[in-house]
N, C-alpha and C. Protein backbone atom coordinates (compact mmCIF):
# COMPACT_ATOMS: atom_id res chain seq x y z
N MET A 1 0.84 -1.20 0.00
CA MET A 1 0.00 0.00 0.00
C MET A 1 0.88 1.25 0.00
N LYS A 2 0.55 2.27 -0.83
CA LYS A 2 1.39 3.44 -0.94
C LYS A 2 1.16 4.38 0.23
N ALA A 3 2.25 5.00 0.64
CA ALA A 3 2.16 6.01 1.70
C ALA A 3 1.48 7.25 1.16
N ILE A 4 1.01 8.11 2.08
CA ILE A 4 0.32 9.33 1.67
C ILE A 4 1.22 10.20 0.83
N GLY A 5 2.49 10.31 1.20
CA GLY A 5 3.42 11.13 0.45
C GLY A 5 3.58 10.66 -0.98
N GLU A 6 3.57 9.31 -1.18
CA GLU A 6 3.72 8.78 -2.52
C GLU A 6 2.49 9.09 -3.36
N LEU A 7 1.29 9.02 -2.73
CA LEU A 7 0.08 9.35 -3.44
C LEU A 7 0.08 10.82 -3.83
N ASP A 8 0.57 11.68 -2.94
CA ASP A 8 0.65 13.11 -3.26
C ASP A 8 1.55 13.34 -4.46
N THR A 9 2.65 12.59 -4.52
CA THR A 9 3.58 12.74 -5.64
C THR A 9 2.90 12.40 -6.95
N VAL A 10 2.16 11.31 -6.97
CA VAL A 10 1.45 10.89 -8.17
C VAL A 10 0.44 11.94 -8.58
N SER A 11 -0.32 12.47 -7.59
CA SER A 11 -1.33 13.47 -7.89
C SER A 11 -0.72 14.73 -8.47
N ARG A 12 0.43 15.15 -7.91
CA ARG A 12 1.08 16.35 -8.41
C ARG A 12 1.56 16.14 -9.84
N ALA A 13 2.12 14.96 -10.09
CA ALA A 13 2.62 14.69 -11.44
C ALA A 13 1.47 14.66 -12.44
N LYS A 14 0.35 14.06 -12.07
CA LYS A 14 -0.80 14.00 -12.96
C LYS A 14 -1.34 15.39 -13.24
N LYS A 15 -1.42 16.20 -12.19
CA LYS A 15 -1.92 17.56 -12.36
C LYS A 15 -1.02 18.35 -13.28
N CYS A 16 0.28 18.11 -13.20
CA CYS A 16 1.24 18.80 -14.06
C CYS A 16 0.99 18.45 -15.52
N LEU A 17 0.70 17.18 -15.79
CA LEU A 17 0.42 16.77 -17.14
C LEU A 17 -0.86 17.41 -17.66
N GLU A 18 -1.85 17.54 -16.81
CA GLU A 18 -3.14 18.05 -17.23
C GLU A 18 -3.11 19.55 -17.47
N PHE A 19 -2.35 20.26 -16.67
CA PHE A 19 -2.38 21.72 -16.74
C PHE A 19 -1.08 22.33 -17.25
N GLN A 20 -0.16 21.46 -17.72
CA GLN A 20 1.08 21.92 -18.32
C GLN A 20 1.90 22.79 -17.37
N GLY A 21 1.94 22.41 -16.12
CA GLY A 21 2.81 23.11 -15.18
C GLY A 21 2.06 24.08 -14.29
N ARG A 22 2.78 24.68 -13.38
CA ARG A 22 2.18 25.61 -12.42
C ARG A 22 1.85 26.93 -13.10
N LEU A 23 0.82 27.58 -12.58
CA LEU A 23 0.44 28.90 -13.05
C LEU A 23 1.13 29.95 -12.20
N GLY A 24 0.87 31.21 -12.52
CA GLY A 24 1.45 32.27 -11.71
C GLY A 24 2.78 32.72 -12.26
N ALA A 25 3.80 32.72 -11.39
CA ALA A 25 5.09 33.28 -11.76
C ALA A 25 5.77 32.47 -12.86
N GLY A 26 5.55 31.18 -12.91
CA GLY A 26 6.25 30.34 -13.88
C GLY A 26 5.55 30.24 -15.21
N GLU A 27 5.31 31.35 -15.86
CA GLU A 27 4.57 31.33 -17.11
C GLU A 27 5.39 31.76 -18.32
N ASN A 28 6.68 31.95 -18.17
CA ASN A 28 7.52 32.32 -19.30
C ASN A 28 7.83 31.06 -20.11
N PRO A 29 7.24 30.91 -21.31
CA PRO A 29 7.43 29.67 -22.08
C PRO A 29 8.89 29.39 -22.41
N ALA A 30 9.65 30.44 -22.74
CA ALA A 30 11.05 30.23 -23.10
C ALA A 30 11.85 29.72 -21.90
N LYS A 31 11.61 30.29 -20.74
CA LYS A 31 12.32 29.86 -19.54
C LYS A 31 11.92 28.44 -19.16
N ARG A 32 10.65 28.14 -19.31
CA ARG A 32 10.17 26.80 -18.99
C ARG A 32 10.80 25.77 -19.91
N ASP A 33 10.87 26.09 -21.21
CA ASP A 33 11.52 25.17 -22.15
C ASP A 33 13.01 25.03 -21.85
N GLN A 34 13.63 26.11 -21.40
CA GLN A 34 15.05 26.05 -21.03
C GLN A 34 15.27 25.06 -19.90
N ILE A 35 14.39 25.09 -18.92
CA ILE A 35 14.49 24.15 -17.79
C ILE A 35 14.25 22.72 -18.27
N LEU A 36 13.22 22.53 -19.09
CA LEU A 36 12.90 21.20 -19.58
C LEU A 36 14.01 20.64 -20.48
N ASP A 37 14.65 21.51 -21.26
CA ASP A 37 15.77 21.06 -22.09
C ASP A 37 16.92 20.57 -21.21
N GLY A 38 17.19 21.29 -20.13
CA GLY A 38 18.23 20.84 -19.20
C GLY A 38 17.86 19.53 -18.54
N ALA A 39 16.58 19.41 -18.14
CA ALA A 39 16.12 18.18 -17.51
C ALA A 39 16.23 17.00 -18.46
N LYS A 40 15.91 17.23 -19.72
CA LYS A 40 15.98 16.15 -20.71
C LYS A 40 17.40 15.60 -20.82
N LYS A 41 18.38 16.49 -20.82
CA LYS A 41 19.77 16.05 -20.88
C LYS A 41 20.16 15.24 -19.65
N VAL A 42 19.74 15.70 -18.48
CA VAL A 42 20.13 15.03 -17.23
C VAL A 42 19.44 13.68 -17.11
N PHE A 43 18.15 13.63 -17.42
CA PHE A 43 17.44 12.36 -17.35
C PHE A 43 18.03 11.36 -18.33
N ALA A 44 18.37 11.83 -19.53
CA ALA A 44 18.94 10.92 -20.54
C ALA A 44 20.29 10.38 -20.09
N ALA A 45 21.08 11.23 -19.41
CA ALA A 45 22.43 10.82 -19.01
C ALA A 45 22.43 9.97 -17.74
N ASN A 46 21.57 10.32 -16.78
CA ASN A 46 21.63 9.71 -15.44
C ASN A 46 20.46 8.81 -15.09
N GLY A 47 19.40 8.81 -15.91
CA GLY A 47 18.20 8.09 -15.54
C GLY A 47 17.39 8.89 -14.53
N TYR A 48 16.18 8.42 -14.27
CA TYR A 48 15.32 9.18 -13.36
C TYR A 48 15.88 9.19 -11.94
N ASP A 49 16.22 8.04 -11.41
CA ASP A 49 16.70 7.98 -10.03
C ASP A 49 18.02 8.71 -9.84
N GLY A 50 18.87 8.69 -10.86
CA GLY A 50 20.18 9.31 -10.75
C GLY A 50 20.18 10.81 -10.97
N ALA A 51 19.07 11.35 -11.46
CA ALA A 51 18.98 12.78 -11.72
C ALA A 51 18.60 13.53 -10.44
N SER A 52 19.22 14.67 -10.22
CA SER A 52 18.88 15.51 -9.07
C SER A 52 18.49 16.90 -9.56
N MET A 53 17.75 17.61 -8.73
CA MET A 53 17.36 18.97 -9.09
C MET A 53 18.59 19.86 -9.23
N ASN A 54 19.64 19.60 -8.46
CA ASN A 54 20.88 20.37 -8.60
C ASN A 54 21.51 20.15 -9.98
N ASP A 55 21.51 18.88 -10.42
CA ASP A 55 22.04 18.57 -11.75
C ASP A 55 21.24 19.30 -12.83
N ILE A 56 19.92 19.27 -12.69
CA ILE A 56 19.05 19.89 -13.68
C ILE A 56 19.22 21.40 -13.68
N THR A 57 19.38 21.97 -12.50
CA THR A 57 19.61 23.42 -12.40
C THR A 57 20.87 23.82 -13.16
N ARG A 58 21.95 23.06 -12.97
CA ARG A 58 23.20 23.37 -13.67
C ARG A 58 23.06 23.19 -15.18
N ALA A 59 22.42 22.08 -15.59
CA ALA A 59 22.27 21.81 -17.02
C ALA A 59 21.39 22.85 -17.71
N ALA A 60 20.39 23.36 -16.98
CA ALA A 60 19.47 24.34 -17.56
C ALA A 60 20.03 25.76 -17.52
N GLY A 61 21.05 25.98 -16.69
CA GLY A 61 21.63 27.31 -16.57
C GLY A 61 20.74 28.29 -15.87
N VAL A 62 19.99 27.82 -14.86
CA VAL A 62 19.11 28.70 -14.08
C VAL A 62 19.43 28.53 -12.61
N SER A 63 18.90 29.42 -11.80
CA SER A 63 19.09 29.32 -10.36
C SER A 63 18.11 28.31 -9.77
N LYS A 64 18.43 27.83 -8.59
CA LYS A 64 17.53 26.88 -7.93
C LYS A 64 16.19 27.54 -7.62
N GLY A 65 16.24 28.83 -7.28
CA GLY A 65 14.99 29.54 -7.02
C GLY A 65 14.10 29.60 -8.24
N THR A 66 14.72 29.79 -9.40
CA THR A 66 13.94 29.85 -10.65
C THR A 66 13.28 28.53 -10.96
N ILE A 67 14.01 27.44 -10.82
CA ILE A 67 13.46 26.14 -11.19
C ILE A 67 12.25 25.79 -10.32
N TYR A 68 12.27 26.22 -9.03
CA TYR A 68 11.15 25.91 -8.15
C TYR A 68 9.97 26.84 -8.35
N VAL A 69 10.16 27.91 -9.10
CA VAL A 69 9.01 28.73 -9.49
C VAL A 69 8.14 27.96 -10.48
N TYR A 70 8.78 27.15 -11.31
CA TYR A 70 8.07 26.42 -12.35
C TYR A 70 7.64 25.02 -11.93
N PHE A 71 8.44 24.37 -11.10
CA PHE A 71 8.15 22.99 -10.73
C PHE A 71 8.41 22.77 -9.24
N ASN A 72 7.50 22.07 -8.60
CA ASN A 72 7.65 21.81 -7.16
C ASN A 72 8.76 20.82 -6.87
N ASN A 73 8.97 19.87 -7.77
CA ASN A 73 9.90 18.78 -7.48
C ASN A 73 10.26 18.05 -8.77
N LYS A 74 11.10 17.05 -8.64
CA LYS A 74 11.57 16.29 -9.80
C LYS A 74 10.42 15.55 -10.48
N GLU A 75 9.47 15.06 -9.69
CA GLU A 75 8.35 14.31 -10.26
C GLU A 75 7.54 15.19 -11.20
N GLU A 76 7.24 16.42 -10.77
CA GLU A 76 6.49 17.33 -11.63
C GLU A 76 7.27 17.65 -12.90
N LEU A 77 8.57 17.84 -12.75
CA LEU A 77 9.41 18.18 -13.90
C LEU A 77 9.42 17.04 -14.90
N PHE A 78 9.55 15.83 -14.41
CA PHE A 78 9.57 14.65 -15.27
C PHE A 78 8.24 14.53 -16.02
N ALA A 79 7.14 14.74 -15.30
CA ALA A 79 5.82 14.65 -15.93
C ALA A 79 5.64 15.73 -16.98
N ALA A 80 6.11 16.94 -16.69
CA ALA A 80 5.99 18.04 -17.65
C ALA A 80 6.82 17.76 -18.90
N LEU A 81 7.97 17.13 -18.73
CA LEU A 81 8.81 16.79 -19.87
C LEU A 81 8.10 15.79 -20.77
N ILE A 82 7.45 14.79 -20.17
CA ILE A 82 6.67 13.82 -20.94
C ILE A 82 5.57 14.54 -21.71
N TYR A 83 4.89 15.45 -21.04
CA TYR A 83 3.79 16.18 -21.68
C TYR A 83 4.30 16.96 -22.89
N ARG A 84 5.41 17.67 -22.72
CA ARG A 84 5.93 18.47 -23.83
C ARG A 84 6.33 17.61 -25.01
N GLU A 85 7.04 16.51 -24.73
CA GLU A 85 7.51 15.66 -25.81
C GLU A 85 6.36 15.01 -26.55
N ARG A 86 5.32 14.65 -25.84
CA ARG A 86 4.20 14.00 -26.51
C ARG A 86 3.47 15.00 -27.42
N GLU A 87 3.33 16.25 -26.97
CA GLU A 87 2.65 17.24 -27.80
C GLU A 87 3.43 17.50 -29.08
N ARG A 88 4.74 17.52 -28.99
CA ARG A 88 5.56 17.70 -30.19
C ARG A 88 5.39 16.53 -31.14
N MET A 89 5.30 15.33 -30.57
CA MET A 89 5.10 14.14 -31.39
C MET A 89 3.75 14.19 -32.10
N PHE A 90 2.70 14.61 -31.39
CA PHE A 90 1.37 14.66 -31.98
C PHE A 90 1.30 15.66 -33.12
N ASP A 91 2.00 16.79 -32.95
CA ASP A 91 2.02 17.79 -34.00
C ASP A 91 2.64 17.23 -35.27
N ARG A 92 3.73 16.46 -35.11
CA ARG A 92 4.38 15.87 -36.27
C ARG A 92 3.48 14.85 -36.95
N VAL A 93 2.83 14.02 -36.15
CA VAL A 93 1.95 12.99 -36.71
C VAL A 93 0.79 13.66 -37.45
N GLY A 94 0.18 14.67 -36.83
CA GLY A 94 -0.96 15.34 -37.45
C GLY A 94 -0.62 15.97 -38.78
N SER A 95 0.61 16.45 -38.92
CA SER A 95 1.02 17.09 -40.17
C SER A 95 1.21 16.08 -41.30
N LEU A 96 1.34 14.80 -40.95
CA LEU A 96 1.55 13.76 -41.97
C LEU A 96 0.26 13.13 -42.46
N LEU A 97 -0.73 13.05 -41.58
CA LEU A 97 -1.95 12.32 -41.91
C LEU A 97 -2.93 13.23 -42.64
N VAL A 98 -2.61 13.54 -43.88
CA VAL A 98 -3.41 14.45 -44.70
C VAL A 98 -4.17 13.65 -45.75
N ASP A 99 -5.28 14.21 -46.22
CA ASP A 99 -6.16 13.49 -47.14
C ASP A 99 -5.91 13.83 -48.60
N ASN A 100 -4.97 14.73 -48.88
CA ASN A 100 -4.74 15.15 -50.26
C ASN A 100 -3.56 14.42 -50.90
N LYS A 101 -3.16 13.29 -50.33
CA LYS A 101 -2.09 12.48 -50.89
C LYS A 101 -2.56 11.03 -50.97
N PRO A 102 -1.94 10.21 -51.84
CA PRO A 102 -2.30 8.79 -51.90
C PRO A 102 -2.06 8.11 -50.55
N ILE A 103 -2.90 7.12 -50.24
CA ILE A 103 -2.79 6.42 -48.96
C ILE A 103 -1.40 5.81 -48.79
N GLU A 104 -0.85 5.22 -49.85
CA GLU A 104 0.47 4.59 -49.74
C GLU A 104 1.53 5.60 -49.31
N GLU A 105 1.45 6.80 -49.85
CA GLU A 105 2.44 7.83 -49.52
C GLU A 105 2.30 8.28 -48.07
N VAL A 106 1.06 8.45 -47.63
CA VAL A 106 0.82 8.88 -46.25
C VAL A 106 1.27 7.80 -45.27
N LEU A 107 0.95 6.55 -45.57
CA LEU A 107 1.36 5.45 -44.70
C LEU A 107 2.89 5.34 -44.65
N PHE A 108 3.53 5.58 -45.78
CA PHE A 108 5.00 5.52 -45.80
C PHE A 108 5.59 6.62 -44.92
N ASP A 109 5.09 7.84 -45.06
CA ASP A 109 5.60 8.95 -44.25
C ASP A 109 5.36 8.69 -42.76
N PHE A 110 4.17 8.19 -42.44
CA PHE A 110 3.87 7.89 -41.04
C PHE A 110 4.77 6.77 -40.52
N GLY A 111 4.90 5.71 -41.29
CA GLY A 111 5.70 4.56 -40.85
C GLY A 111 7.15 4.92 -40.62
N MET A 112 7.71 5.72 -41.51
CA MET A 112 9.10 6.15 -41.35
C MET A 112 9.26 7.00 -40.10
N MET A 113 8.39 8.00 -39.94
CA MET A 113 8.47 8.89 -38.79
C MET A 113 8.27 8.12 -37.48
N PHE A 114 7.28 7.25 -37.45
CA PHE A 114 6.96 6.51 -36.23
C PHE A 114 8.11 5.58 -35.83
N THR A 115 8.69 4.89 -36.80
CA THR A 115 9.77 3.96 -36.49
C THR A 115 11.04 4.70 -36.09
N ARG A 116 11.32 5.83 -36.75
CA ARG A 116 12.45 6.66 -36.31
C ARG A 116 12.27 7.06 -34.86
N HIS A 117 11.05 7.48 -34.52
CA HIS A 117 10.78 7.94 -33.16
C HIS A 117 10.93 6.80 -32.15
N MET A 118 10.37 5.65 -32.46
CA MET A 118 10.37 4.54 -31.51
C MET A 118 11.75 3.92 -31.33
N THR A 119 12.65 4.09 -32.30
CA THR A 119 14.00 3.54 -32.16
C THR A 119 15.02 4.61 -31.79
N ASN A 120 14.57 5.85 -31.68
CA ASN A 120 15.47 6.93 -31.28
C ASN A 120 15.98 6.68 -29.86
N GLN A 121 17.26 6.93 -29.63
CA GLN A 121 17.85 6.64 -28.32
C GLN A 121 17.20 7.43 -27.19
N ASN A 122 16.78 8.66 -27.46
CA ASN A 122 16.09 9.42 -26.42
C ASN A 122 14.75 8.79 -26.05
N THR A 123 14.02 8.32 -27.08
CA THR A 123 12.75 7.64 -26.81
C THR A 123 12.97 6.36 -26.03
N VAL A 124 13.95 5.58 -26.46
CA VAL A 124 14.25 4.31 -25.79
C VAL A 124 14.64 4.54 -24.33
N LYS A 125 15.47 5.54 -24.09
CA LYS A 125 15.87 5.85 -22.71
C LYS A 125 14.67 6.30 -21.88
N SER A 126 13.78 7.06 -22.50
CA SER A 126 12.58 7.51 -21.78
C SER A 126 11.70 6.33 -21.40
N ILE A 127 11.55 5.37 -22.31
CA ILE A 127 10.75 4.19 -22.02
C ILE A 127 11.36 3.41 -20.86
N ARG A 128 12.68 3.25 -20.88
CA ARG A 128 13.34 2.53 -19.78
C ARG A 128 13.15 3.26 -18.46
N MET A 129 13.23 4.59 -18.49
CA MET A 129 13.05 5.36 -17.25
C MET A 129 11.64 5.19 -16.71
N VAL A 130 10.65 5.25 -17.60
CA VAL A 130 9.26 5.11 -17.15
C VAL A 130 9.02 3.72 -16.59
N LEU A 131 9.58 2.70 -17.21
CA LEU A 131 9.45 1.34 -16.68
C LEU A 131 10.07 1.25 -15.28
N GLY A 132 11.14 2.02 -15.06
CA GLY A 132 11.81 2.00 -13.76
C GLY A 132 11.01 2.64 -12.65
N VAL A 133 10.10 3.59 -13.00
CA VAL A 133 9.31 4.27 -11.96
C VAL A 133 7.85 3.80 -12.00
N LEU A 134 7.60 2.71 -12.69
CA LEU A 134 6.23 2.24 -12.89
C LEU A 134 5.50 2.02 -11.57
N ASP A 135 6.17 1.41 -10.59
CA ASP A 135 5.50 1.11 -9.33
C ASP A 135 5.25 2.36 -8.49
N ASP A 136 6.18 3.31 -8.52
CA ASP A 136 6.05 4.51 -7.69
C ASP A 136 5.24 5.61 -8.35
N MET A 137 5.22 5.64 -9.68
CA MET A 137 4.52 6.71 -10.39
C MET A 137 3.64 6.11 -11.49
N PRO A 138 2.64 5.32 -11.11
CA PRO A 138 1.83 4.64 -12.14
C PRO A 138 1.08 5.59 -13.05
N GLU A 139 0.64 6.74 -12.50
CA GLU A 139 -0.11 7.68 -13.33
C GLU A 139 0.78 8.27 -14.42
N VAL A 140 2.03 8.59 -14.07
CA VAL A 140 2.95 9.12 -15.05
C VAL A 140 3.25 8.07 -16.11
N ALA A 141 3.42 6.83 -15.69
CA ALA A 141 3.67 5.76 -16.65
C ALA A 141 2.49 5.59 -17.60
N LYS A 142 1.29 5.70 -17.05
CA LYS A 142 0.08 5.59 -17.89
C LYS A 142 0.03 6.73 -18.89
N MET A 143 0.35 7.95 -18.42
CA MET A 143 0.34 9.10 -19.31
C MET A 143 1.39 8.93 -20.41
N PHE A 144 2.54 8.37 -20.07
CA PHE A 144 3.59 8.15 -21.06
C PHE A 144 3.11 7.19 -22.13
N LEU A 145 2.46 6.11 -21.72
CA LEU A 145 1.94 5.14 -22.69
C LEU A 145 0.92 5.80 -23.60
N ASN A 146 0.02 6.58 -23.00
CA ASN A 146 -1.01 7.24 -23.78
C ASN A 146 -0.45 8.34 -24.67
N SER A 147 0.74 8.85 -24.31
CA SER A 147 1.33 9.94 -25.08
C SER A 147 2.10 9.45 -26.29
N GLY A 148 2.43 8.17 -26.33
CA GLY A 148 3.26 7.67 -27.42
C GLY A 148 2.49 6.78 -28.36
N PRO A 149 2.77 5.48 -28.34
CA PRO A 149 2.13 4.57 -29.30
C PRO A 149 0.61 4.59 -29.26
N THR A 150 0.00 4.72 -28.06
CA THR A 150 -1.45 4.64 -27.98
C THR A 150 -2.12 5.80 -28.68
N ARG A 151 -1.70 7.03 -28.36
CA ARG A 151 -2.36 8.17 -28.99
C ARG A 151 -1.95 8.29 -30.46
N GLY A 152 -0.72 7.92 -30.78
CA GLY A 152 -0.32 7.91 -32.18
C GLY A 152 -1.21 6.98 -32.99
N ALA A 153 -1.54 5.83 -32.41
CA ALA A 153 -2.43 4.88 -33.09
C ALA A 153 -3.83 5.48 -33.25
N HIS A 154 -4.29 6.25 -32.27
CA HIS A 154 -5.61 6.87 -32.37
C HIS A 154 -5.63 7.92 -33.49
N GLN A 155 -4.52 8.65 -33.64
CA GLN A 155 -4.46 9.62 -34.74
C GLN A 155 -4.51 8.91 -36.08
N LEU A 156 -3.76 7.81 -36.20
CA LEU A 156 -3.79 7.03 -37.44
C LEU A 156 -5.17 6.41 -37.64
N LYS A 157 -5.80 5.99 -36.57
CA LYS A 157 -7.14 5.40 -36.66
C LYS A 157 -8.13 6.38 -37.29
N ASP A 158 -8.07 7.63 -36.88
CA ASP A 158 -8.99 8.64 -37.43
C ASP A 158 -8.77 8.80 -38.94
N TYR A 159 -7.51 8.78 -39.34
CA TYR A 159 -7.20 8.89 -40.77
C TYR A 159 -7.74 7.68 -41.54
N LEU A 160 -7.50 6.48 -41.02
CA LEU A 160 -7.96 5.27 -41.68
C LEU A 160 -9.49 5.22 -41.74
N GLN A 161 -10.12 5.67 -40.68
CA GLN A 161 -11.58 5.64 -40.64
C GLN A 161 -12.17 6.56 -41.71
N ARG A 162 -11.54 7.72 -41.91
CA ARG A 162 -12.03 8.62 -42.96
C ARG A 162 -11.98 7.94 -44.33
N HIS A 163 -10.89 7.20 -44.57
CA HIS A 163 -10.76 6.53 -45.87
C HIS A 163 -11.66 5.31 -45.97
N ALA A 164 -11.99 4.71 -44.86
CA ALA A 164 -12.97 3.62 -44.88
C ALA A 164 -14.34 4.17 -45.24
N GLU A 165 -14.68 5.33 -44.70
CA GLU A 165 -15.97 5.96 -45.00
C GLU A 165 -16.04 6.39 -46.46
N GLN A 166 -14.88 6.69 -47.07
CA GLN A 166 -14.84 7.07 -48.47
C GLN A 166 -14.81 5.85 -49.40
N GLY A 167 -14.69 4.65 -48.82
CA GLY A 167 -14.70 3.44 -49.62
C GLY A 167 -13.34 2.96 -50.07
N ASP A 168 -12.26 3.60 -49.59
CA ASP A 168 -10.91 3.19 -49.99
C ASP A 168 -10.43 1.97 -49.22
N LEU A 169 -10.91 1.82 -48.00
CA LEU A 169 -10.49 0.71 -47.13
C LEU A 169 -11.72 0.00 -46.59
N ILE A 170 -11.55 -1.26 -46.23
CA ILE A 170 -12.60 -2.03 -45.58
C ILE A 170 -12.09 -2.41 -44.19
N LEU A 171 -12.65 -1.78 -43.16
CA LEU A 171 -12.15 -1.95 -41.80
C LEU A 171 -13.29 -2.26 -40.85
N ASP A 172 -13.18 -3.38 -40.14
CA ASP A 172 -14.13 -3.68 -39.07
C ASP A 172 -13.76 -2.92 -37.80
N ASP A 173 -12.46 -2.74 -37.57
CA ASP A 173 -11.98 -2.09 -36.36
C ASP A 173 -10.80 -1.19 -36.74
N PRO A 174 -11.07 0.09 -37.03
CA PRO A 174 -9.99 1.00 -37.47
C PRO A 174 -8.86 1.14 -36.47
N LEU A 175 -9.16 1.13 -35.16
CA LEU A 175 -8.11 1.26 -34.16
C LEU A 175 -7.20 0.04 -34.17
N LEU A 176 -7.77 -1.14 -34.27
CA LEU A 176 -6.96 -2.36 -34.36
C LEU A 176 -6.08 -2.31 -35.61
N ALA A 177 -6.63 -1.88 -36.72
CA ALA A 177 -5.85 -1.79 -37.96
C ALA A 177 -4.69 -0.81 -37.79
N ALA A 178 -4.93 0.31 -37.12
CA ALA A 178 -3.87 1.30 -36.89
C ALA A 178 -2.76 0.71 -36.03
N LYS A 179 -3.13 0.01 -34.99
CA LYS A 179 -2.13 -0.62 -34.11
C LYS A 179 -1.34 -1.68 -34.87
N GLN A 180 -2.03 -2.43 -35.70
CA GLN A 180 -1.35 -3.47 -36.48
C GLN A 180 -0.32 -2.84 -37.42
N PHE A 181 -0.69 -1.74 -38.07
CA PHE A 181 0.24 -1.10 -38.99
C PHE A 181 1.47 -0.58 -38.24
N ALA A 182 1.24 0.04 -37.10
CA ALA A 182 2.37 0.56 -36.31
C ALA A 182 3.31 -0.56 -35.89
N GLU A 183 2.75 -1.69 -35.47
CA GLU A 183 3.58 -2.83 -35.06
C GLU A 183 4.36 -3.39 -36.26
N LEU A 184 3.72 -3.46 -37.41
CA LEU A 184 4.41 -3.95 -38.60
C LEU A 184 5.60 -3.07 -38.96
N CYS A 185 5.43 -1.76 -38.80
CA CYS A 185 6.50 -0.82 -39.18
C CYS A 185 7.72 -0.95 -38.27
N THR A 186 7.51 -1.24 -37.00
CA THR A 186 8.63 -1.31 -36.05
C THR A 186 9.17 -2.72 -35.87
N ALA A 187 8.60 -3.67 -36.60
CA ALA A 187 9.02 -5.08 -36.44
C ALA A 187 10.51 -5.25 -36.71
N GLY A 188 11.18 -5.90 -35.78
CA GLY A 188 12.60 -6.18 -35.94
C GLY A 188 13.52 -5.04 -35.56
N HIS A 189 12.96 -3.88 -35.22
CA HIS A 189 13.77 -2.72 -34.88
C HIS A 189 13.60 -2.28 -33.42
N PHE A 190 12.35 -2.15 -32.98
CA PHE A 190 12.10 -1.55 -31.67
C PHE A 190 12.66 -2.37 -30.51
N LYS A 191 12.32 -3.64 -30.43
CA LYS A 191 12.75 -4.44 -29.29
C LYS A 191 14.26 -4.59 -29.19
N PRO A 192 14.98 -4.81 -30.30
CA PRO A 192 16.45 -4.84 -30.18
C PRO A 192 17.02 -3.53 -29.64
N CYS A 193 16.42 -2.40 -30.01
CA CYS A 193 16.87 -1.12 -29.47
C CYS A 193 16.53 -1.00 -27.98
N LEU A 194 15.34 -1.43 -27.62
CA LEU A 194 14.90 -1.35 -26.23
C LEU A 194 15.81 -2.16 -25.31
N PHE A 195 16.21 -3.34 -25.77
CA PHE A 195 17.04 -4.23 -24.95
C PHE A 195 18.53 -4.08 -25.24
N ASN A 196 18.86 -2.96 -25.89
CA ASN A 196 20.26 -2.57 -26.07
C ASN A 196 21.05 -3.58 -26.90
N GLU A 197 20.37 -4.25 -27.81
CA GLU A 197 21.06 -5.18 -28.70
C GLU A 197 21.64 -4.48 -29.92
N ARG A 198 21.18 -3.24 -30.15
CA ARG A 198 21.64 -2.51 -31.31
C ARG A 198 21.39 -1.02 -31.11
N GLU A 199 22.02 -0.20 -31.97
CA GLU A 199 21.81 1.24 -31.94
C GLU A 199 20.54 1.59 -32.72
N GLN A 200 20.25 2.88 -32.78
CA GLN A 200 19.08 3.35 -33.50
C GLN A 200 19.09 2.89 -34.95
N ALA A 201 17.93 2.48 -35.45
CA ALA A 201 17.82 2.01 -36.83
C ALA A 201 18.02 3.16 -37.80
N THR A 202 18.66 2.90 -38.91
CA THR A 202 18.88 3.90 -39.95
C THR A 202 17.69 3.90 -40.92
N ASP A 203 17.57 4.97 -41.70
CA ASP A 203 16.50 5.03 -42.69
C ASP A 203 16.63 3.89 -43.70
N GLU A 204 17.86 3.53 -44.05
CA GLU A 204 18.07 2.44 -45.00
C GLU A 204 17.56 1.11 -44.46
N GLU A 205 17.61 0.94 -43.14
CA GLU A 205 17.10 -0.27 -42.51
C GLU A 205 15.60 -0.20 -42.30
N ILE A 206 15.09 0.99 -42.03
CA ILE A 206 13.67 1.14 -41.74
C ILE A 206 12.82 1.05 -43.00
N GLU A 207 13.30 1.64 -44.10
CA GLU A 207 12.47 1.76 -45.30
C GLU A 207 11.93 0.44 -45.83
N PRO A 208 12.72 -0.62 -46.00
CA PRO A 208 12.15 -1.86 -46.53
C PRO A 208 11.10 -2.48 -45.60
N VAL A 209 11.27 -2.29 -44.31
CA VAL A 209 10.28 -2.83 -43.36
C VAL A 209 8.97 -2.07 -43.49
N VAL A 210 9.06 -0.74 -43.61
CA VAL A 210 7.84 0.07 -43.75
C VAL A 210 7.13 -0.26 -45.07
N ARG A 211 7.88 -0.40 -46.15
CA ARG A 211 7.26 -0.72 -47.44
C ARG A 211 6.60 -2.11 -47.39
N SER A 212 7.22 -3.04 -46.70
CA SER A 212 6.61 -4.35 -46.53
C SER A 212 5.34 -4.25 -45.69
N ALA A 213 5.38 -3.42 -44.64
CA ALA A 213 4.20 -3.21 -43.80
C ALA A 213 3.04 -2.66 -44.61
N ILE A 214 3.33 -1.73 -45.52
CA ILE A 214 2.28 -1.15 -46.36
C ILE A 214 1.67 -2.22 -47.27
N ARG A 215 2.51 -3.05 -47.85
CA ARG A 215 1.99 -4.11 -48.73
C ARG A 215 1.09 -5.06 -47.97
N VAL A 216 1.53 -5.49 -46.79
CA VAL A 216 0.73 -6.41 -45.98
C VAL A 216 -0.57 -5.74 -45.55
N PHE A 217 -0.47 -4.49 -45.12
CA PHE A 217 -1.65 -3.77 -44.63
C PHE A 217 -2.69 -3.59 -45.72
N LEU A 218 -2.27 -3.14 -46.90
CA LEU A 218 -3.22 -2.90 -47.97
C LEU A 218 -3.75 -4.21 -48.56
N LYS A 219 -2.93 -5.26 -48.50
CA LYS A 219 -3.42 -6.58 -48.94
C LYS A 219 -4.59 -7.01 -48.07
N ALA A 220 -4.55 -6.66 -46.80
CA ALA A 220 -5.61 -7.05 -45.87
C ALA A 220 -6.81 -6.12 -45.92
N TYR A 221 -6.57 -4.81 -46.11
CA TYR A 221 -7.63 -3.84 -45.87
C TYR A 221 -8.02 -2.98 -47.07
N ALA A 222 -7.30 -3.01 -48.19
CA ALA A 222 -7.70 -2.20 -49.33
C ALA A 222 -9.04 -2.68 -49.87
N ALA A 223 -9.84 -1.73 -50.29
CA ALA A 223 -11.20 -2.09 -50.75
C ALA A 223 -11.10 -2.91 -52.04
């Protein structure tokens, strides 16, 4: 059973994700990004447990007083970093899923971007960090899952559903189809990166897998 203090930590982290940080004095977006950029470097180098607010203060180039204007503690900062990175990811995905291009081209652009992201060393390190705090910060871990593959699949699902309604695809379950496509694109790349069996996949390695994923996907679902 979690202690009251641990529950408070989870609640603060969740609130940070929902409201994008504290209000009031800490509203300078550039300063906030400066702090988060420093935190990203420290978390990537030291992991969550090994990172300290002093380390983050030095990496961000701000005073300790400034960092606490924006974030109460390391948990809030970590949650805010997840929130920022996920929003940037969603913006990139949304810019790719357009209806004025052939489906094959859109799926290729999505598959390449998604696999690059999932095999990127920063993403892999973030996943390992979240797995490490899963028991102590379950809400943050849940938000991380929803911020990456899950919400990315929902964005792809909306795109596929539009084309199913137009008669281009035949889909009983658009969300399942979106998840299947994402898994096909990362096949053979993501898990070896996660378990440190290899470095980030190159475009030359990703492209044939994505093109194969498109062939399999359209073979199953093209009208």
